[in-house]
Amino acid sequence: MKVLLVEDDGPLAQEIAGALRRENFAVDIAADGENGHHLGDTEAYDVAVLDLGLPKMPGAAVLRAWRKSGRQLPVLILTARDGWTEKVDGFKAGADDYLTKPFRIEELIMRLRALVRRAAGYAAPSVTCGPLSLDAPTGVFELDGLPLKLTALEWRVLQCLILRKDVVVDRLELMEKVYEGDAGTDSNSLEVIVARLRRKIGHDLIETVRGRGYRLASGGG
């Protein structure tokens, strides 16, 4: 799962990013509205956390510009403004959820996971694919009912695949969702991650579609 965090409070941004990375999220940080707008408009993200009170370009203007250009990524507004008017403005601009500072990091993480799950079309908290399951609120993968021990990169790849099960996920899209920054990482490293996952969950679940990418097949195994 890749998150765009647009927050001008440096220490808070680092605190949030650190907590998200410990939960296997990939995080890109933008410190002002202009940079946040550019990243959200040109890069692939699963979800965005957007402050309203940003320098150079207000958060609500960033969000309206994303929606006008057709960007559909879920957006959680994070702000110190707790008035009803500000909340209404945020939702009118296209926000999907709202958190007021101060807040608990744990709640932010749970809300982000829920936004990504719902955006993928899953209402239930658990997503299954054959013997594999993901408990979306906790981020825990299980195989045949037993917890899987995964690295952060393995978790990101598997999460992307299970939320798109039975659909071919393009190799470049996977790389964009797994690695922080741009997707210029050698594609061979993605193959290494997939190979490790196959050793952990079985070789039949993850299919390679030549010239395109990978598919998590619910009929596998």
Protein backbone atom coordinates (compact mmCIF):
# COMPACT_ATOMS: atom_id res chain seq x y z
CA MET A 1 0.00 0.00 0.00
CA LYS A 2 1.44 3.37 -1.02
CA VAL A 3 0.42 6.57 0.75
CA LEU A 4 0.89 10.19 -0.27
CA LEU A 5 1.23 12.30 2.88
CA VAL A 6 0.81 16.05 2.28
CA GLU A 7 1.69 17.75 5.56
CA ASP A 8 3.73 20.92 6.17
CA ASP A 9 4.48 20.17 9.84
CA GLY A 10 7.84 18.41 9.42
CA PRO A 11 8.05 16.59 12.78
CA LEU A 12 4.42 15.44 12.53
CA ALA A 13 4.94 14.25 8.95
CA GLN A 14 7.98 12.21 10.01
CA GLU A 15 6.08 10.76 12.98
CA ILE A 16 3.16 9.70 10.76
CA ALA A 17 5.44 8.35 8.03
CA GLY A 18 7.47 6.34 10.54
CA ALA A 19 4.35 4.77 12.03
CA LEU A 20 2.96 3.93 8.59
CA ARG A 21 6.23 2.36 7.46
CA ARG A 22 6.27 0.18 10.57
CA GLU A 23 2.88 -1.10 9.39
CA ASN A 24 4.33 -1.94 5.93
CA PHE A 25 3.03 1.16 4.11
CA ALA A 26 5.20 2.88 1.52
CA VAL A 27 5.08 6.66 2.08
CA ASP A 28 5.93 9.71 -0.03
CA ILE A 29 5.88 13.07 1.76
CA ALA A 30 5.03 16.47 0.29
CA ALA A 31 5.56 19.56 2.48
CA ASP A 32 3.37 22.00 0.53
CA GLY A 33 0.26 22.00 -1.60
CA GLU A 34 1.94 22.51 -4.96
CA ASN A 35 4.25 19.53 -4.55
CA GLY A 36 1.42 17.45 -3.12
CA HIS A 37 -0.80 18.29 -6.07
CA HIS A 38 1.96 17.36 -8.53
CA LEU A 39 2.69 14.00 -6.88
CA GLY A 40 -0.97 13.08 -6.55
CA ASP A 41 -1.59 14.02 -10.17
CA THR A 42 1.35 12.13 -11.66
CA GLU A 43 2.18 9.16 -9.40
CA ALA A 44 0.26 6.03 -8.39
CA TYR A 45 -1.01 5.96 -4.80
CA ASP A 46 -3.54 3.81 -2.95
CA VAL A 47 -4.60 6.64 -0.63
CA ALA A 48 -3.66 10.20 0.34
CA VAL A 49 -3.52 11.98 3.70
CA LEU A 50 -4.02 15.68 3.04
CA ASP A 51 -3.70 18.61 5.44
CA LEU A 52 -5.97 21.58 4.73
CA GLY A 53 -3.72 24.38 5.95
CA LEU A 54 -0.85 24.04 3.47
CA PRO A 55 1.57 26.65 2.08
CA LYS A 56 1.56 27.52 -1.65
CA MET A 57 -1.76 25.77 -2.33
CA PRO A 58 -4.53 25.05 0.22
CA GLY A 59 -5.44 21.43 0.78
CA ALA A 60 -9.03 21.88 -0.39
CA ALA A 61 -7.76 23.40 -3.66
CA VAL A 62 -5.37 20.45 -4.10
CA LEU A 63 -8.23 18.02 -3.65
CA ARG A 64 -10.55 19.86 -6.01
CA ALA A 65 -7.80 19.89 -8.66
CA TRP A 66 -7.27 16.12 -8.26
CA ARG A 67 -10.96 15.41 -8.63
CA LYS A 68 -11.29 17.76 -11.61
CA SER A 69 -8.47 15.91 -13.38
CA GLY A 70 -10.15 12.57 -12.67
CA ARG A 71 -7.93 11.33 -9.85
CA GLN A 72 -10.04 8.87 -7.86
CA LEU A 73 -7.64 7.89 -5.06
CA PRO A 74 -9.25 7.90 -1.60
CA VAL A 75 -8.35 11.00 0.41
CA LEU A 76 -8.37 11.43 4.17
CA ILE A 77 -8.22 15.06 5.31
CA LEU A 78 -6.06 15.69 8.35
CA THR A 79 -6.32 19.12 9.91
CA ALA A 80 -6.32 21.15 13.11
CA ARG A 81 -9.58 22.80 12.04
CA ASP A 82 -12.47 21.15 13.86
CA GLY A 83 -15.35 23.37 12.78
CA TRP A 84 -18.27 21.87 10.88
CA THR A 85 -17.82 24.38 8.03
CA GLU A 86 -14.28 23.18 7.35
CA LYS A 87 -15.43 19.56 7.35
CA VAL A 88 -18.22 20.36 4.90
CA ASP A 89 -15.78 22.19 2.63
CA GLY A 90 -13.45 19.20 2.72
CA PHE A 91 -16.17 16.73 1.80
CA LYS A 92 -17.49 19.03 -0.93
CA ALA A 93 -14.00 19.14 -2.39
CA GLY A 94 -14.06 15.34 -2.64
CA ALA A 95 -12.69 13.99 0.66
CA ASP A 96 -13.54 10.43 1.71
CA ASP A 97 -12.76 10.72 5.41
CA TYR A 98 -11.69 13.27 8.00
CA LEU A 99 -9.48 13.30 11.11
CA THR A 100 -8.95 16.27 13.41
CA LYS A 101 -5.63 16.93 15.14
CA PRO A 102 -4.66 15.76 17.69
CA PHE A 103 -5.39 12.15 16.80
CA ARG A 104 -4.18 8.63 17.48
CA ILE A 105 -1.88 7.13 14.87
CA GLU A 106 -3.64 3.79 15.32
CA GLU A 107 -6.95 5.33 14.26
CA LEU A 108 -5.34 6.91 11.20
CA ILE A 109 -3.90 3.55 10.14
CA MET A 110 -7.24 1.76 10.58
CA ARG A 111 -9.06 4.43 8.58
CA LEU A 112 -6.52 4.28 5.75
CA ARG A 113 -6.80 0.50 5.53
CA ALA A 114 -10.58 0.77 5.43
CA LEU A 115 -10.47 3.41 2.68
CA VAL A 116 -8.21 1.27 0.50
CA ARG A 117 -10.30 -1.86 1.09
CA ARG A 118 -13.55 -0.10 0.21
CA ALA A 119 -11.99 1.53 -2.85
CA ALA A 120 -11.09 -1.97 -4.05
CA GLY A 121 -14.76 -2.97 -3.73
CA TYR A 122 -14.68 -5.00 -0.49
CA ALA A 123 -17.23 -4.20 2.20
CA ALA A 124 -16.24 -7.03 4.57
CA PRO A 125 -13.10 -6.54 6.70
CA SER A 126 -11.57 -9.83 5.52
CA VAL A 127 -10.45 -10.50 1.94
CA THR A 128 -9.85 -14.12 0.93
CA CYS A 129 -8.26 -15.84 -2.04
CA GLY A 130 -8.28 -19.62 -1.74
CA PRO A 131 -6.29 -20.57 1.39
CA LEU A 132 -4.98 -17.01 1.72
CA SER A 133 -6.73 -14.26 3.67
CA LEU A 134 -6.07 -10.66 4.65
CA ASP A 135 -7.63 -9.15 7.76
CA ALA A 136 -7.79 -5.60 6.48
CA PRO A 137 -8.22 -3.77 9.84
CA THR A 138 -5.05 -5.34 11.29
CA GLY A 139 -3.13 -5.95 8.07
CA VAL A 140 -2.46 -9.58 9.03
CA PHE A 141 -2.19 -12.21 6.28
CA GLU A 142 -3.04 -15.84 7.07
CA LEU A 143 -2.47 -19.01 5.08
CA ASP A 144 -4.76 -21.90 6.00
CA GLY A 145 -5.62 -20.02 9.18
CA LEU A 146 -2.03 -19.48 10.31
CA PRO A 147 -0.36 -16.02 10.35
CA LEU A 148 2.20 -15.36 7.63
CA LYS A 149 5.50 -13.70 8.44
CA LEU A 150 6.22 -11.24 5.63
CA THR A 151 8.73 -8.48 4.99
CA ALA A 152 7.37 -4.99 4.26
CA LEU A 153 7.97 -5.36 0.52
CA GLU A 154 6.39 -8.84 0.44
CA TRP A 155 3.36 -7.51 2.32
CA ARG A 156 2.91 -4.61 -0.10
CA VAL A 157 3.05 -6.87 -3.16
CA LEU A 158 0.68 -9.43 -1.68
CA GLN A 159 -1.76 -6.78 -0.48
CA CYS A 160 -1.88 -5.24 -3.95
CA LEU A 161 -2.47 -8.65 -5.53
CA ILE A 162 -5.17 -9.85 -3.12
CA LEU A 163 -7.17 -6.64 -3.47
CA ARG A 164 -7.11 -7.27 -7.24
CA LYS A 165 -7.43 -11.06 -7.09
CA ASP A 166 -8.05 -12.83 -10.41
CA VAL A 167 -6.99 -9.65 -12.24
CA VAL A 168 -3.59 -9.20 -13.89
CA VAL A 169 -1.71 -6.44 -12.09
CA ASP A 170 0.76 -4.68 -14.35
CA ARG A 171 4.42 -5.02 -13.35
CA LEU A 172 4.97 -1.26 -13.42
CA GLU A 173 1.89 -0.63 -11.30
CA LEU A 174 3.13 -3.12 -8.71
CA MET A 175 6.51 -1.40 -8.59
CA GLU A 176 4.86 2.00 -8.21
CA LYS A 177 2.76 0.73 -5.30
CA VAL A 178 5.63 -1.12 -3.56
CA TYR A 179 8.59 1.25 -3.68
CA GLU A 180 8.81 4.73 -2.22
CA GLY A 181 9.70 7.53 -4.61
CA ASP A 182 9.57 6.73 -8.31
CA ALA A 183 9.32 3.27 -9.84
CA GLY A 184 12.85 3.25 -11.26
CA THR A 185 13.90 0.26 -9.17
CA ASP A 186 15.23 -2.69 -11.17
CA SER A 187 12.29 -4.91 -12.07
CA ASN A 188 14.40 -7.96 -11.16
CA SER A 189 13.96 -7.02 -7.51
CA LEU A 190 10.19 -7.40 -7.93
CA GLU A 191 10.76 -10.89 -9.34
CA VAL A 192 12.83 -11.73 -6.26
CA ILE A 193 9.97 -10.61 -3.99
CA VAL A 194 7.45 -12.67 -5.94
CA ALA A 195 9.74 -15.70 -5.77
CA ARG A 196 9.97 -15.35 -1.98
CA LEU A 197 6.19 -15.05 -1.72
CA ARG A 198 5.72 -18.20 -3.77
CA ARG A 199 7.93 -20.10 -1.35
CA LYS A 200 5.75 -18.89 1.52
CA ILE A 201 2.24 -19.28 0.08
CA GLY A 202 2.72 -21.86 -2.67
CA HIS A 203 3.79 -21.53 -6.28
CA ASP A 204 0.32 -21.96 -7.80
CA LEU A 205 -1.38 -18.95 -6.21
CA ILE A 206 0.69 -16.27 -7.98
CA GLU A 207 0.60 -16.57 -11.75
CA THR A 208 3.06 -14.83 -14.08
CA VAL A 209 1.37 -13.38 -17.16
CA ARG A 210 4.19 -12.89 -19.63
CA GLY A 211 4.67 -9.37 -20.89
CA ARG A 212 2.13 -7.99 -18.43
CA GLY A 213 2.53 -8.78 -14.75
CA TYR A 214 1.15 -11.03 -12.04
CA ARG A 215 -2.22 -12.41 -10.95
CA LEU A 216 -3.30 -13.87 -7.63
CA ALA A 217 -5.59 -16.70 -8.72
CA SER A 218 -8.39 -17.74 -6.38
CA GLY A 219 -8.53 -21.10 -8.14
CA GLY A 220 -4.83 -21.72 -7.59
CA GLY A 221 -3.38 -24.39 -5.37
